[in-house]
């Protein structure tokens, strides 16, 4: 493997830690990569757009309820 394929993504982590989280450089460097990743977490879910809801309703219609 090349060094580029195995290099740690420091620039991305620095943007996440100091940019998104607003950590100071000393706070960032005292944090572990695992802590930075946990603090940034997964991306928030996107809102359900009306057209997507309509498409889902067509794909998965409610079954009629028995009387």
N, C-alpha and C. Protein backbone atom coordinates (compact mmCIF):
# COMPACT_ATOMS: atom_id res chain seq x y z
N UNK A 1 0.84 -1.19 0.00
CA UNK A 1 0.00 0.00 0.00
C UNK A 1 0.87 1.24 0.00
N UNK A 2 0.39 2.26 -0.65
CA UNK A 2 1.14 3.51 -0.65
C UNK A 2 0.89 4.28 0.64
N UNK A 3 1.79 5.22 0.92
CA UNK A 3 1.63 6.03 2.14
C UNK A 3 0.34 6.83 2.09
N UNK A 4 -0.05 7.29 0.90
CA UNK A 4 -1.28 8.08 0.77
C UNK A 4 -2.51 7.25 1.12
N UNK A 5 -2.48 5.96 0.81
CA UNK A 5 -3.63 5.09 1.09
C UNK A 5 -3.76 4.80 2.58
N UNK A 6 -2.66 4.89 3.32
CA UNK A 6 -2.70 4.55 4.74
C UNK A 6 -2.58 5.77 5.64
N UNK A 7 -2.42 6.95 5.08
CA UNK A 7 -2.26 8.16 5.88
C UNK A 7 -3.54 8.50 6.63
N UNK A 8 -3.38 8.96 7.86
CA UNK A 8 -4.53 9.36 8.66
C UNK A 8 -5.06 10.69 8.12
N UNK A 9 -6.39 10.86 8.04
CA UNK A 9 -6.97 12.10 7.47
C UNK A 9 -6.94 13.27 8.45
N UNK A 10 -5.74 13.76 8.78
CA UNK A 10 -5.60 14.83 9.77
C UNK A 10 -6.33 16.09 9.38
N UNK A 11 -6.26 16.48 8.11
CA UNK A 11 -6.92 17.72 7.69
C UNK A 11 -8.42 17.65 7.95
N UNK A 12 -9.02 16.52 7.66
CA UNK A 12 -10.46 16.34 7.89
C UNK A 12 -10.78 16.42 9.39
N UNK A 13 -9.94 15.77 10.21
CA UNK A 13 -10.17 15.79 11.65
C UNK A 13 -9.94 17.18 12.23
N UNK A 14 -8.97 17.90 11.72
CA UNK A 14 -8.72 19.26 12.20
C UNK A 14 -9.90 20.17 11.86
N UNK A 15 -10.45 20.02 10.64
CA UNK A 15 -11.65 20.80 10.27
C UNK A 15 -12.82 20.46 11.17
N UNK A 16 -12.99 19.17 11.45
CA UNK A 16 -14.11 18.75 12.32
C UNK A 16 -13.92 19.27 13.74
N UNK A 17 -12.73 19.09 14.28
CA UNK A 17 -12.49 19.46 15.67
C UNK A 17 -12.46 20.96 15.90
N UNK A 18 -11.65 21.66 15.12
CA UNK A 18 -11.51 23.10 15.35
C UNK A 18 -12.54 23.91 14.59
N UNK A 19 -12.98 23.41 13.45
CA UNK A 19 -13.97 24.14 12.66
C UNK A 19 -15.40 23.89 13.13
N UNK A 20 -15.84 22.64 13.03
CA UNK A 20 -17.22 22.31 13.38
C UNK A 20 -17.48 22.37 14.89
N UNK A 21 -16.55 21.81 15.67
CA UNK A 21 -16.77 21.75 17.12
C UNK A 21 -16.28 22.99 17.84
N UNK A 22 -15.44 23.78 17.19
CA UNK A 22 -14.94 25.01 17.80
C UNK A 22 -13.92 24.78 18.91
N UNK A 23 -13.22 23.65 18.86
CA UNK A 23 -12.19 23.38 19.86
C UNK A 23 -10.98 24.28 19.62
N UNK A 24 -10.32 24.68 20.68
CA UNK A 24 -9.06 25.39 20.53
C UNK A 24 -8.01 24.39 20.07
N UNK A 25 -6.90 24.85 19.50
CA UNK A 25 -5.86 23.90 19.10
C UNK A 25 -5.40 23.00 20.25
N UNK A 26 -5.24 23.56 21.44
CA UNK A 26 -4.79 22.71 22.56
C UNK A 26 -5.86 21.69 22.94
N UNK A 27 -7.14 22.06 22.89
CA UNK A 27 -8.21 21.10 23.17
C UNK A 27 -8.23 20.01 22.10
N UNK A 28 -8.06 20.43 20.85
CA UNK A 28 -8.06 19.46 19.75
C UNK A 28 -6.95 18.43 19.94
N UNK A 29 -5.72 18.90 20.20
CA UNK A 29 -4.59 17.98 20.29
C UNK A 29 -4.63 17.13 21.56
N UNK A 30 -5.39 17.51 22.56
CA UNK A 30 -5.57 16.66 23.74
C UNK A 30 -6.66 15.61 23.51
N UNK A 31 -7.44 15.77 22.46
CA UNK A 31 -8.53 14.82 22.15
C UNK A 31 -7.99 13.68 21.31
N UNK A 32 -8.64 12.54 21.43
CA UNK A 32 -8.28 11.41 20.57
C UNK A 32 -9.14 11.46 19.31
N UNK A 33 -8.68 10.83 18.23
CA UNK A 33 -9.51 10.77 17.02
C UNK A 33 -10.88 10.16 17.30
N UNK A 34 -10.93 9.18 18.19
CA UNK A 34 -12.22 8.56 18.53
C UNK A 34 -13.15 9.56 19.19
N UNK A 35 -12.61 10.43 20.05
CA UNK A 35 -13.43 11.45 20.71
C UNK A 35 -13.96 12.47 19.70
N UNK A 36 -13.11 12.88 18.77
CA UNK A 36 -13.54 13.83 17.74
C UNK A 36 -14.65 13.21 16.88
N UNK A 37 -14.44 11.96 16.48
CA UNK A 37 -15.45 11.28 15.66
C UNK A 37 -16.78 11.14 16.41
N UNK A 38 -16.72 10.81 17.69
CA UNK A 38 -17.95 10.66 18.48
C UNK A 38 -18.65 12.00 18.66
N UNK A 39 -17.88 13.07 18.82
CA UNK A 39 -18.48 14.39 19.04
C UNK A 39 -19.13 14.92 17.77
N UNK A 40 -18.58 14.59 16.62
CA UNK A 40 -19.20 15.07 15.38
C UNK A 40 -20.39 14.21 15.01
N UNK A 41 -20.34 12.92 15.35
CA UNK A 41 -21.48 12.03 15.15
C UNK A 41 -21.91 11.91 13.69
N UNK A 42 -22.90 11.09 13.46
CA UNK A 42 -23.41 10.94 12.09
C UNK A 42 -24.16 12.19 11.67
N UNK A 43 -24.27 12.36 10.39
CA UNK A 43 -25.01 13.50 9.85
C UNK A 43 -26.46 13.42 10.28
N UNK A 44 -27.08 14.55 10.60
CA UNK A 44 -28.50 14.51 10.98
C UNK A 44 -29.35 14.03 9.82
N UNK A 45 -30.44 13.36 10.11
CA UNK A 45 -31.30 12.87 9.03
C UNK A 45 -31.89 14.04 8.24
N UNK A 46 -32.08 13.80 6.98
CA UNK A 46 -32.67 14.81 6.11
C UNK A 46 -34.19 14.79 6.29
N UNK A 47 -34.83 15.95 6.15
CA UNK A 47 -36.29 15.96 6.27
C UNK A 47 -36.94 15.16 5.14
N UNK A 48 -38.07 14.60 5.45
CA UNK A 48 -38.82 13.84 4.46
C UNK A 48 -39.60 14.82 3.58
N UNK A 49 -39.24 14.84 2.30
CA UNK A 49 -39.93 15.73 1.37
C UNK A 49 -41.26 15.11 0.97
N UNK A 50 -42.22 15.97 0.65
CA UNK A 50 -43.57 15.50 0.32
C UNK A 50 -43.55 14.49 -0.82
N UNK A 51 -42.78 14.77 -1.88
CA UNK A 51 -42.76 13.84 -3.02
C UNK A 51 -42.19 12.49 -2.60
N UNK A 52 -41.23 12.48 -1.72
CA UNK A 52 -40.69 11.21 -1.23
C UNK A 52 -41.73 10.46 -0.40
N UNK A 53 -42.50 11.19 0.38
CA UNK A 53 -43.56 10.57 1.16
C UNK A 53 -44.61 9.96 0.24
N UNK A 54 -45.00 10.70 -0.79
CA UNK A 54 -45.99 10.19 -1.75
C UNK A 54 -45.47 8.92 -2.41
N UNK A 55 -44.20 8.93 -2.80
CA UNK A 55 -43.60 7.74 -3.43
C UNK A 55 -43.62 6.56 -2.49
N UNK A 56 -43.28 6.79 -1.23
CA UNK A 56 -43.31 5.70 -0.25
C UNK A 56 -44.72 5.18 -0.03
N UNK A 57 -45.70 6.09 -0.01
CA UNK A 57 -47.09 5.67 0.19
C UNK A 57 -47.57 4.83 -0.99
N UNK A 58 -47.10 5.15 -2.19
CA UNK A 58 -47.47 4.35 -3.36
C UNK A 58 -46.80 2.98 -3.32
N UNK A 59 -45.56 2.93 -2.87
CA UNK A 59 -44.85 1.66 -2.78
C UNK A 59 -45.38 0.77 -1.67
N UNK A 60 -45.78 1.39 -0.56
CA UNK A 60 -46.22 0.65 0.62
C UNK A 60 -47.57 1.17 1.09
N UNK A 61 -48.64 0.89 0.34
CA UNK A 61 -49.96 1.39 0.74
C UNK A 61 -50.44 0.73 2.03
N UNK A 62 -51.22 1.48 2.79
CA UNK A 62 -51.84 0.90 3.99
C UNK A 62 -52.84 -0.16 3.56
N UNK A 63 -52.88 -1.22 4.32
CA UNK A 63 -53.89 -2.25 4.04
C UNK A 63 -55.20 -1.78 4.63
N UNK A 64 -56.31 -2.02 3.94
CA UNK A 64 -57.60 -1.62 4.49
C UNK A 64 -57.85 -2.32 5.82
N UNK A 65 -58.39 -1.56 6.75
CA UNK A 65 -58.69 -2.12 8.07
C UNK A 65 -60.05 -2.82 8.00
N UNK A 66 -60.15 -4.00 8.59
CA UNK A 66 -61.46 -4.69 8.59
C UNK A 66 -62.45 -3.94 9.45
N UNK A 67 -63.71 -3.99 9.07
CA UNK A 67 -64.77 -3.30 9.83
C UNK A 67 -65.13 -4.04 11.08
